Amino acid sequence: MGVVTTQAIDAVQWTARLGRVGVWTGQLDFSPADVVRAAARDVEALGYGALWTGEAIGREVMSAAQLLLGATDTLVVATGIANIWARDAVSTANGAKTLSAAYGGRFVLGLGVSHQPLVTRLRGHDYQNPLSTMRDFLAAMDAAPMFAEEGSTQVARVLAALGPKMLELSATAADGAHPYLVTPEHTLLARSVVGDKFIGVEQAVVLGQTREEYLRRAHEYLEIYTGLENYQNSWRRLGFAEEDFVRGGSERLCDAMVVHGDEDAVLARINDHREAGADHVCLQVLGSDLATAPFDEWRRLAELTK
């Protein structure tokens, strides 16, 4: 597909708009549109710079992003991530340009290769080498024509990146990386690879609660991920082993991936990531269940945006 080159994006401008702390949530897929709009306005009013939303078997993520952008005035909406198997490169590039142009540059396109079970069983595609597939997809995006008013719009794009090679691609062919389910040690490694490009880290949180309830929520959250090869490989690089990959994860894995405690404990982890090189930390609060948006916890953690 040719040589992939990074886009000419004003990094200072778009990364500053995200702020130091954002919200990452998949829970809004379980709420009707009017509740989603209200939630986006609440997140904006609380002072968070960005709201990240993913794509698996819930809403189509570009439609979801438009729902969030249309309800807000200043909030950056980022996909974490848009699955590159869900739409072709032309649709992805042009859809992102339309969203960015329509909403004042408040859209950040996070892209990822997803996981083999979701690609082959759910979507019916032949899952190929993730690195070369992503590289070709980015090149096709760069070459995509768009004969519309916003055709020349530049969109900030980041990659779901865990391993060194995908992190390197995040620096050479995108505007940075969006690591998910990682530790501050991984953030330090990522910074050494991506140089001065953006790093926006997802960090799971259980605010308050007993140790027993914390572990219940953490195990529930990690259950699907412990069965996925790419996360296992990432965790091996961080020093974890097979005994940590039981369904729902070992206690050691839970403690490493999910912060438990009060606001000070969450702030300490945010600072650990930032000292290791993160530009932005998006907090994924694990509420009473994975389908209920944790409005109270978002309000309690809003002070950490300052």
Protein backbone atom coordinates (compact mmCIF):
# COMPACT_ATOMS: atom_id res chain seq x y z
CA MET A 1 0.00 0.00 0.00
CA GLY A 2 3.04 2.28 -0.01
CA VAL A 3 4.88 4.18 2.67
CA VAL A 4 2.80 5.40 5.59
CA THR A 5 3.60 8.86 6.88
CA THR A 6 2.24 10.58 9.95
CA GLN A 7 -0.33 13.33 9.56
CA ALA A 8 0.49 16.98 10.09
CA ILE A 9 -1.56 17.51 13.23
CA ASP A 10 -0.97 20.33 15.70
CA ALA A 11 -0.14 18.03 18.61
CA VAL A 12 -0.02 20.79 21.22
CA GLN A 13 -3.51 21.95 20.33
CA TRP A 14 -5.39 18.64 20.24
CA THR A 15 -3.62 16.98 23.16
CA ALA A 16 -4.20 20.02 25.34
CA ARG A 17 -7.91 19.83 24.64
CA LEU A 18 -8.05 16.31 26.07
CA GLY A 19 -6.64 17.49 29.39
CA ARG A 20 -4.81 15.34 31.88
CA VAL A 21 -7.79 13.14 32.86
CA GLY A 22 -10.70 11.79 30.85
CA VAL A 23 -13.44 9.18 31.14
CA TRP A 24 -13.37 5.80 29.36
CA THR A 25 -16.68 4.00 29.31
CA GLY A 26 -18.48 1.18 27.58
CA GLN A 27 -21.49 1.37 29.89
CA LEU A 28 -23.35 3.95 27.82
CA ASP A 29 -24.09 1.33 25.18
CA PHE A 30 -26.64 -0.05 27.64
CA SER A 31 -28.56 3.24 27.91
CA PRO A 32 -31.02 4.85 25.48
CA ALA A 33 -29.92 7.85 23.42
CA ASP A 34 -31.43 10.51 25.69
CA VAL A 35 -29.54 9.11 28.70
CA VAL A 36 -26.33 8.97 26.67
CA ARG A 37 -26.68 12.63 25.71
CA ALA A 38 -27.32 13.62 29.31
CA ALA A 39 -24.31 11.60 30.48
CA ALA A 40 -22.05 13.32 27.96
CA ARG A 41 -23.23 16.72 29.16
CA ASP A 42 -22.57 15.67 32.77
CA VAL A 43 -19.03 14.51 31.94
CA GLU A 44 -18.37 17.82 30.17
CA ALA A 45 -19.79 19.88 33.05
CA LEU A 46 -17.67 17.99 35.56
CA GLY A 47 -14.53 19.22 33.81
CA TYR A 48 -13.26 16.08 32.11
CA GLY A 49 -11.47 16.87 28.87
CA ALA A 50 -12.41 13.77 26.95
CA LEU A 51 -14.87 10.91 26.79
CA TRP A 52 -13.59 7.67 25.26
CA THR A 53 -15.93 5.00 23.92
CA GLY A 54 -15.20 1.61 22.40
CA GLU A 55 -16.54 -0.76 19.79
CA ALA A 56 -17.15 -4.47 20.24
CA ILE A 57 -20.72 -5.80 20.07
CA GLY A 58 -22.50 -2.63 21.15
CA ARG A 59 -23.13 0.53 19.17
CA GLU A 60 -21.32 1.29 15.93
CA VAL A 61 -18.67 3.63 17.25
CA MET A 62 -18.87 6.46 14.70
CA SER A 63 -22.60 6.75 15.32
CA ALA A 64 -21.98 6.66 19.07
CA ALA A 65 -19.36 9.40 18.76
CA GLN A 66 -21.78 11.61 16.85
CA LEU A 67 -24.35 11.11 19.60
CA LEU A 68 -21.84 12.32 22.20
CA LEU A 69 -20.45 15.17 20.14
CA GLY A 70 -23.90 16.47 19.28
CA ALA A 71 -24.81 16.73 22.95
CA THR A 72 -21.73 18.71 24.03
CA ASP A 73 -19.85 21.91 23.25
CA THR A 74 -16.26 21.48 24.40
CA LEU A 75 -15.81 17.79 25.26
CA VAL A 76 -13.40 15.81 23.08
CA VAL A 77 -14.85 12.46 22.02
CA ALA A 78 -12.33 9.72 21.25
CA THR A 79 -12.83 6.20 20.00
CA GLY A 80 -11.04 3.65 22.09
CA ILE A 81 -11.14 1.96 19.71
CA ALA A 82 -12.79 1.93 16.29
CA ASN A 83 -12.36 -1.61 14.98
CA ILE A 84 -10.61 -1.50 11.58
CA TRP A 85 -12.52 -4.65 10.57
CA ALA A 86 -15.86 -2.88 11.04
CA ARG A 87 -15.52 -0.52 8.05
CA ASP A 88 -13.07 -0.01 5.21
CA ALA A 89 -10.30 2.58 5.19
CA VAL A 90 -12.16 5.04 2.96
CA SER A 91 -15.26 5.02 5.17
CA THR A 92 -13.11 5.36 8.28
CA ALA A 93 -11.07 8.26 6.95
CA ASN A 94 -14.03 10.14 5.54
CA GLY A 95 -16.30 9.52 8.50
CA ALA A 96 -13.63 10.80 10.87
CA LYS A 97 -13.13 13.93 8.75
CA THR A 98 -16.85 14.66 8.80
CA LEU A 99 -17.07 14.30 12.58
CA SER A 100 -13.98 16.42 13.17
CA ALA A 101 -15.08 19.19 10.81
CA ALA A 102 -18.67 19.22 12.05
CA TYR A 103 -17.70 19.49 15.71
CA GLY A 104 -14.78 21.87 15.77
CA GLY A 105 -11.97 19.34 15.83
CA ARG A 106 -13.30 17.66 18.98
CA PHE A 107 -13.01 14.15 17.54
CA VAL A 108 -10.00 11.85 18.03
CA LEU A 109 -9.92 8.62 16.03
CA GLY A 110 -8.55 5.71 18.01
CA LEU A 111 -8.01 2.63 15.84
CA GLY A 112 -7.39 -0.99 16.75
CA VAL A 113 -7.11 -4.44 15.21
CA SER A 114 -9.59 -5.92 17.71
CA HIS A 115 -9.35 -9.63 18.55
CA GLN A 116 -9.52 -12.76 16.48
CA PRO A 117 -12.77 -14.14 18.01
CA LEU A 118 -14.59 -10.86 17.35
CA VAL A 119 -13.21 -10.60 13.84
CA THR A 120 -13.68 -14.20 12.64
CA ARG A 121 -16.71 -15.45 14.56
CA LEU A 122 -18.71 -12.23 14.80
CA ARG A 123 -17.78 -10.43 11.58
CA GLY A 124 -16.74 -13.31 9.34
CA HIS A 125 -13.37 -11.88 8.32
CA ASP A 126 -10.07 -13.72 7.97
CA TYR A 127 -7.98 -12.29 10.82
CA GLN A 128 -4.56 -11.43 9.44
CA ASN A 129 -1.26 -10.32 10.96
CA PRO A 130 -2.25 -7.36 13.17
CA LEU A 131 0.79 -5.20 12.46
CA SER A 132 0.79 -5.49 8.68
CA THR A 133 -3.00 -5.20 8.57
CA MET A 134 -2.90 -1.97 10.54
CA ARG A 135 -0.03 -0.59 8.49
CA ASP A 136 -1.90 -1.26 5.24
CA PHE A 137 -5.12 0.18 6.66
CA LEU A 138 -3.40 3.44 7.65
CA ALA A 139 -1.81 3.76 4.21
CA ALA A 140 -5.21 3.22 2.60
CA MET A 141 -6.70 5.90 4.85
CA ASP A 142 -4.01 8.34 3.78
CA ALA A 143 -4.75 7.59 0.13
CA ALA A 144 -8.53 7.75 0.50
CA PRO A 145 -10.20 10.38 -1.71
CA MET A 146 -12.94 12.58 -0.33
CA PHE A 147 -14.75 15.00 -2.63
CA ALA A 148 -16.59 16.90 0.06
CA GLU A 149 -16.20 20.21 1.86
CA GLU A 150 -14.23 18.60 4.70
CA GLY A 151 -12.02 16.51 2.42
CA SER A 152 -8.80 18.23 3.51
CA THR A 153 -9.57 18.02 7.24
CA GLN A 154 -6.79 16.51 9.33
CA VAL A 155 -7.93 14.17 12.11
CA ALA A 156 -5.86 13.16 15.10
CA ARG A 157 -5.54 9.36 15.13
CA VAL A 158 -4.04 7.07 17.73
CA LEU A 159 -3.53 3.33 17.78
CA ALA A 160 -4.40 0.70 20.34
CA ALA A 161 -0.82 -0.41 20.96
CA LEU A 162 0.70 -2.80 23.46
CA GLY A 163 3.79 -4.39 21.89
CA PRO A 164 6.91 -2.55 20.70
CA LYS A 165 6.15 -2.88 16.98
CA MET A 166 2.61 -1.50 17.21
CA LEU A 167 3.90 1.27 19.48
CA GLU A 168 6.48 2.12 16.85
CA LEU A 169 3.77 2.25 14.20
CA SER A 170 1.83 4.59 16.49
CA ALA A 171 4.72 7.01 16.25
CA THR A 172 5.57 6.68 12.57
CA ALA A 173 2.11 6.35 11.02
CA ALA A 174 -0.21 7.94 13.57
CA ASP A 175 -0.28 10.65 16.21
CA GLY A 176 0.33 8.40 19.19
CA ALA A 177 -0.88 5.44 21.18
CA HIS A 178 -3.84 4.43 23.32
CA PRO A 179 -2.60 1.57 25.54
CA TYR A 180 -5.33 -0.37 27.38
CA LEU A 181 -4.95 -2.62 30.43
CA VAL A 182 -1.38 -1.63 31.19
CA THR A 183 0.75 -0.55 34.12
CA PRO A 184 2.93 2.55 34.61
CA GLU A 185 5.88 0.30 33.73
CA HIS A 186 4.32 -0.23 30.32
CA THR A 187 3.77 3.52 29.99
CA LEU A 188 7.49 4.04 30.57
CA LEU A 189 8.27 1.53 27.83
CA ALA A 190 5.74 3.14 25.50
CA ARG A 191 7.30 6.56 25.98
CA SER A 192 10.71 5.19 25.07
CA VAL A 193 9.27 3.88 21.79
CA VAL A 194 6.91 6.65 20.65
CA GLY A 195 9.20 9.56 21.44
CA ASP A 196 7.26 12.81 21.64
CA LYS A 197 4.01 11.42 20.24
CA PHE A 198 0.84 11.29 22.34
CA ILE A 199 0.19 8.55 24.91
CA GLY A 200 -3.33 8.28 26.31
CA VAL A 201 -3.60 5.43 28.84
CA GLU A 202 -6.76 3.67 29.97
CA GLN A 203 -6.85 2.97 33.71
CA ALA A 204 -9.55 0.89 35.39
CA VAL A 205 -10.76 1.99 38.83
CA VAL A 206 -12.91 0.64 41.66
CA LEU A 207 -13.62 3.57 43.95
CA GLY A 208 -14.12 2.62 47.59
CA GLN A 209 -15.76 -0.74 48.34
CA THR A 210 -14.50 -3.67 50.39
CA ARG A 211 -11.67 -5.86 49.20
CA GLU A 212 -14.18 -8.59 48.41
CA GLU A 213 -16.35 -6.30 46.29
CA TYR A 214 -13.30 -4.83 44.58
CA LEU A 215 -12.14 -8.29 43.54
CA ARG A 216 -15.60 -9.22 42.30
CA ARG A 217 -15.68 -6.19 40.02
CA ALA A 218 -12.08 -6.58 38.90
CA HIS A 219 -12.52 -10.28 38.07
CA GLU A 220 -15.73 -9.52 36.17
CA TYR A 221 -13.95 -6.82 34.17
CA LEU A 222 -10.91 -8.95 33.37
CA GLU A 223 -12.82 -12.13 32.53
CA ILE A 224 -12.98 -11.61 28.78
CA TYR A 225 -9.49 -10.14 28.49
CA THR A 226 -7.73 -13.00 30.26
CA GLY A 227 -8.79 -15.26 27.41
CA LEU A 228 -7.33 -13.03 24.67
CA GLU A 229 -3.87 -13.77 23.33
CA ASN A 230 -2.73 -10.21 22.71
CA TYR A 231 -3.37 -9.18 26.30
CA GLN A 232 -1.69 -12.31 27.63
CA ASN A 233 1.38 -11.51 25.53
CA SER A 234 1.42 -7.94 26.82
CA TRP A 235 1.16 -9.10 30.41
CA ARG A 236 3.97 -11.61 29.91
CA ARG A 237 6.21 -8.75 28.85
CA LEU A 238 5.29 -7.06 32.15
CA GLY A 239 6.30 -10.12 34.21
CA PHE A 240 3.01 -11.98 34.58
CA ALA A 241 2.68 -15.71 33.89
CA GLU A 242 0.15 -18.41 33.06
CA GLU A 243 -1.14 -18.63 36.62
CA ASP A 244 -2.25 -14.99 36.32
CA PHE A 245 -4.39 -15.69 33.25
CA VAL A 246 -7.12 -17.74 34.92
CA ARG A 247 -10.53 -16.45 33.89
CA GLY A 248 -10.97 -13.12 35.61
CA GLY A 249 -7.28 -12.94 36.45
CA SER A 250 -5.29 -13.66 39.57
CA GLU A 251 -5.41 -11.25 42.49
CA ARG A 252 -1.96 -10.07 41.46
CA LEU A 253 -3.22 -9.20 37.98
CA CYS A 254 -6.28 -7.46 39.43
CA ASP A 255 -4.14 -5.32 41.71
CA ALA A 256 -1.86 -4.35 38.82
CA MET A 257 -4.59 -3.49 36.33
CA VAL A 258 -7.38 -2.06 38.49
CA VAL A 259 -6.82 0.65 41.09
CA HIS A 260 -8.69 0.13 44.36
CA GLY A 261 -9.16 2.80 46.98
CA ASP A 262 -10.21 6.40 47.46
CA GLU A 263 -9.57 9.46 45.33
CA ASP A 264 -6.00 9.73 46.63
CA ALA A 265 -5.25 6.17 45.47
CA VAL A 266 -6.60 6.96 42.02
CA LEU A 267 -4.62 10.20 41.86
CA ALA A 268 -1.46 8.34 42.82
CA ARG A 269 -1.91 5.93 39.89
CA ILE A 270 -2.64 8.81 37.52
CA ASN A 271 0.56 10.47 38.67
CA ASP A 272 2.49 7.23 38.24
CA HIS A 273 1.37 7.03 34.61
CA ARG A 274 2.11 10.69 34.00
CA GLU A 275 5.56 10.49 35.56
CA ALA A 276 6.22 7.48 33.33
CA GLY A 277 5.32 9.55 30.26
CA ALA A 278 1.54 9.55 29.75
CA ASP A 279 0.01 12.74 28.39
CA HIS A 280 -3.52 11.73 29.32
CA VAL A 281 -5.13 9.11 31.55
CA CYS A 282 -8.72 8.05 30.87
CA LEU A 283 -10.38 6.46 33.87
CA GLN A 284 -12.67 3.47 33.39
CA VAL A 285 -14.70 3.26 36.57
CA LEU A 286 -16.02 -0.22 37.32
CA GLY A 287 -19.40 0.24 38.92
CA SER A 288 -21.76 -2.24 40.49
CA ASP A 289 -22.08 -3.99 37.13
CA LEU A 290 -20.57 -3.57 33.67
CA ALA A 291 -23.80 -2.20 32.19
CA THR A 292 -24.49 0.63 34.65
CA ALA A 293 -22.86 4.02 34.12
CA PRO A 294 -21.09 5.05 37.37
CA PHE A 295 -22.34 8.65 37.59
CA ASP A 296 -21.60 9.05 41.30
CA GLU A 297 -18.02 7.87 40.91
CA TRP A 298 -17.46 10.17 37.93
CA ARG A 299 -18.57 13.08 40.08
CA ARG A 300 -16.30 12.06 42.96
CA LEU A 301 -13.28 11.74 40.67
CA ALA A 302 -13.90 15.01 38.83
CA GLU A 303 -11.63 16.90 41.24
CA LEU A 304 -8.72 14.95 39.80
CA THR A 305 -9.10 16.77 36.49
CA LYS A 306 -7.75 19.97 38.06
